[in-house]
Each structure stands twice: as structure tokens, then as C-alpha cells.
Protein backbone atom coordinates (compact mmCIF):
# COMPACT_ATOMS: atom_id res chain seq x y z
CA MET A 1 -20.60 -19.07 -19.93
CA LYS A 2 -17.42 -21.10 -19.93
CA LYS A 3 -15.33 -18.03 -20.98
CA LYS A 4 -16.90 -15.98 -18.23
CA CYS A 5 -16.23 -18.68 -15.64
CA SER A 6 -12.59 -19.08 -16.60
CA ARG A 7 -12.04 -15.24 -16.54
CA LEU A 8 -13.57 -15.10 -13.03
CA VAL A 9 -11.19 -17.97 -11.97
CA LEU A 10 -8.20 -16.13 -13.43
CA GLN A 11 -9.24 -12.92 -11.75
CA ARG A 12 -9.57 -14.67 -8.34
CA THR A 13 -6.22 -16.41 -8.80
CA ALA A 14 -4.47 -13.07 -9.63
CA PHE A 15 -6.15 -11.43 -6.64
CA VAL A 16 -5.17 -14.15 -4.24
CA ALA A 17 -1.60 -14.18 -5.41
CA VAL A 18 -1.13 -10.41 -5.28
CA PHE A 19 -3.14 -9.78 -2.19
CA GLY A 20 -1.42 -12.64 -0.34
CA LEU A 21 2.03 -11.05 -1.10
CA LEU A 22 0.84 -7.59 -0.11
CA LEU A 23 -0.82 -8.71 3.08
CA GLN A 24 2.47 -10.17 4.19
CA GLY A 25 4.25 -6.93 3.43
CA GLN A 26 7.94 -6.79 2.74
CA PRO A 27 9.90 -7.22 5.87
CA VAL A 28 12.19 -4.37 6.56
CA LEU A 29 15.64 -5.82 6.88
CA ALA A 30 17.89 -4.73 9.79
CA GLN A 31 20.34 -3.23 7.34
CA ASP A 32 17.52 -1.15 5.94
CA ILE A 33 16.82 0.44 9.20
CA SER A 34 19.31 2.75 10.77
CA SER A 35 20.05 2.49 14.51
CA ASP A 36 18.39 5.81 15.10
CA ALA A 37 15.09 4.84 13.23
CA PRO A 38 11.86 5.24 15.20
CA PRO A 39 10.35 2.16 16.80
CA TYR A 40 7.37 2.43 14.41
CA GLU A 41 9.53 2.25 11.20
CA GLN A 42 8.07 -1.02 9.91
CA GLN A 43 4.49 0.39 10.34
CA LEU A 44 5.46 3.48 8.30
CA MET A 45 7.01 1.24 5.66
CA ARG A 46 3.79 -0.71 5.48
CA LEU A 47 1.76 2.50 5.32
CA SER A 48 3.86 3.55 2.29
CA GLU A 49 3.05 0.31 0.55
CA ILE A 50 -0.72 0.85 1.28
CA PHE A 51 -0.52 4.35 -0.11
CA GLY A 52 0.89 2.97 -3.40
CA ALA A 53 -1.77 0.21 -3.59
CA LEU A 54 -4.56 2.74 -3.09
CA HIS A 55 -2.95 5.17 -5.54
CA PHE A 56 -3.48 2.44 -8.19
CA LEU A 57 -6.76 0.98 -7.04
CA ARG A 58 -8.90 4.01 -6.24
CA PRO A 59 -8.74 5.59 -9.70
CA LEU A 60 -9.12 2.15 -11.30
CA CYS A 61 -12.38 1.76 -9.53
CA GLU A 62 -13.33 5.38 -10.37
CA GLN A 63 -12.89 6.74 -6.86
CA ALA A 64 -11.84 10.41 -6.96
CA ASP A 65 -9.84 11.10 -3.87
CA THR A 66 -8.73 14.61 -3.03
CA PRO A 67 -5.96 14.83 -2.28
CA ALA A 68 -4.75 11.92 -4.40
CA TRP A 69 -2.87 9.13 -2.65
CA ARG A 70 0.31 10.18 -4.39
CA ASP A 71 -0.11 13.63 -2.89
CA ARG A 72 -0.73 12.17 0.49
CA MET A 73 2.47 10.20 0.15
CA GLU A 74 4.45 13.42 -0.70
CA ASP A 75 2.96 15.02 2.40
CA PHE A 76 3.96 11.98 4.48
CA LEU A 77 7.55 12.06 3.00
CA ASP A 78 7.90 15.76 3.71
CA ALA A 79 6.73 15.27 7.33
CA GLU A 80 8.59 12.10 8.11
CA THR A 81 11.88 12.10 6.15
CA LEU A 82 14.87 14.32 6.34
CA ASP A 83 17.36 11.59 5.46
CA GLU A 84 17.47 10.80 1.73
CA ASN A 85 18.11 7.03 2.09
CA ARG A 86 15.02 6.72 4.32
CA ARG A 87 13.03 8.69 1.87
CA ARG A 88 14.11 6.33 -0.92
CA ARG A 89 13.06 3.33 1.10
CA PHE A 90 9.60 4.74 1.64
CA ILE A 91 9.32 5.55 -2.03
CA GLU A 92 10.28 2.04 -2.97
CA ARG A 93 7.63 0.66 -0.74
CA PHE A 94 5.04 2.92 -2.29
CA ASN A 95 6.06 1.75 -5.76
CA GLN A 96 5.89 -1.94 -4.65
CA GLY A 97 2.30 -1.44 -3.51
CA TYR A 98 1.45 0.31 -6.76
CA ARG A 99 3.15 -2.31 -9.00
CA GLY A 100 1.76 -5.22 -7.08
CA PHE A 101 -1.80 -4.41 -8.19
CA SER A 102 -0.99 -2.84 -11.59
CA VAL A 103 0.28 -6.15 -12.88
CA ALA A 104 -2.87 -7.99 -11.78
CA TYR A 105 -5.68 -5.56 -12.52
CA LYS A 106 -6.64 -3.77 -15.76
CA GLU A 107 -10.24 -3.11 -14.65
CA CYS A 108 -12.01 -2.70 -11.40
CA THR A 109 -13.27 -6.01 -10.00
CA GLU A 110 -15.06 -7.07 -6.83
CA ALA A 111 -11.63 -8.30 -5.57
CA ALA A 112 -10.04 -4.90 -6.16
CA ARG A 113 -12.95 -3.25 -4.21
CA ILE A 114 -12.44 -5.62 -1.32
CA ALA A 115 -8.75 -4.94 -1.40
CA MET A 116 -9.41 -1.22 -1.34
CA GLY A 117 -11.58 -1.57 1.72
CA GLN A 118 -9.02 -3.76 3.57
CA TYR A 119 -6.18 -1.31 2.74
CA LEU A 120 -8.17 1.69 3.92
CA SER A 121 -8.87 -0.09 7.22
CA GLU A 122 -5.36 -1.29 7.67
CA GLY A 123 -3.99 2.18 6.96
CA GLU A 124 -6.36 3.65 9.50
CA VAL A 125 -5.23 1.20 12.07
CA ILE A 126 -1.58 1.92 11.45
CA ILE A 127 -2.14 5.77 11.61
CA SER A 128 -4.17 5.44 14.82
CA ASP A 129 -1.65 3.11 16.44
CA VAL A 130 1.38 5.21 15.58
CA THR A 131 -0.11 8.54 16.51
CA SER A 132 -1.69 7.18 19.85
CA ARG A 133 1.52 5.45 20.93
CA TYR A 134 4.17 7.75 19.65
CA GLY A 135 2.45 11.08 18.99
CA ARG A 136 3.63 14.23 20.61
């Protein structure tokens, strides 16, 4: 019982630490955004990070998504980036999202399931907001 309890505390601690960092997101520095970047650049950077987190979490929790989140990221990059520097920034944010969870989770937990749900919801909000405000 004691081993199970300490494992649960460790899992919760890791979840809170990683989830807290990822919820804040990495601020996009002014030097990282060119003067001709769209006004929704920070939202797209966050979306890239969410794609990375989901690319790790969904298979971990045996959720078979088609297309895979990495493939969705590739489609996003193809549609959104012509500039190689901008493309690299999006890829780095994807990798940050992936690494943030890969260091904390080796198996699917309830906390991982909660994080997945929150990321799916946040991604939907970002996509909806950007397309409704800036869509053609």
C-alpha cells in the first residue's frame, strides 16, 4: 500500500510540474517573430506544442489516431510555412510539447488522460478562434 501511495504521489507531482509548464506555454519572443508574421503567430506556436504533446500522449494511452499527430503537424507546416526559419520555430515547439511529456510519463495514467482531453479542447479553441477571426 505504501509503495502504491508513493508512486501515485510521484506521478501527480510529475504531472503538475510538466502540465504547469506546458499550460503556460513558451512565450514567443519578439526576436522570434518577424515583422511580417501574422497576428495569430503565438496561437499557432501554441498549437504546434499541443500537436507535439498529443503525438506523445495519444499512442501512450493506446489511442490510434488517423492521421497521426505528427502527420497533422506536417500538413500544418506545409500549409502555414514557406519561410524556413518560421518552420524551424514551429518544429521546435512541437518537439517541446513532445519532450515535456516524454520525460514524465512512461505509461498512461489518469493524469495523462486528463492532459490529453485538455489539449484536445485547447487545440479546438485555437483552431476555431484563428479560422473564425482570420480565415479567408
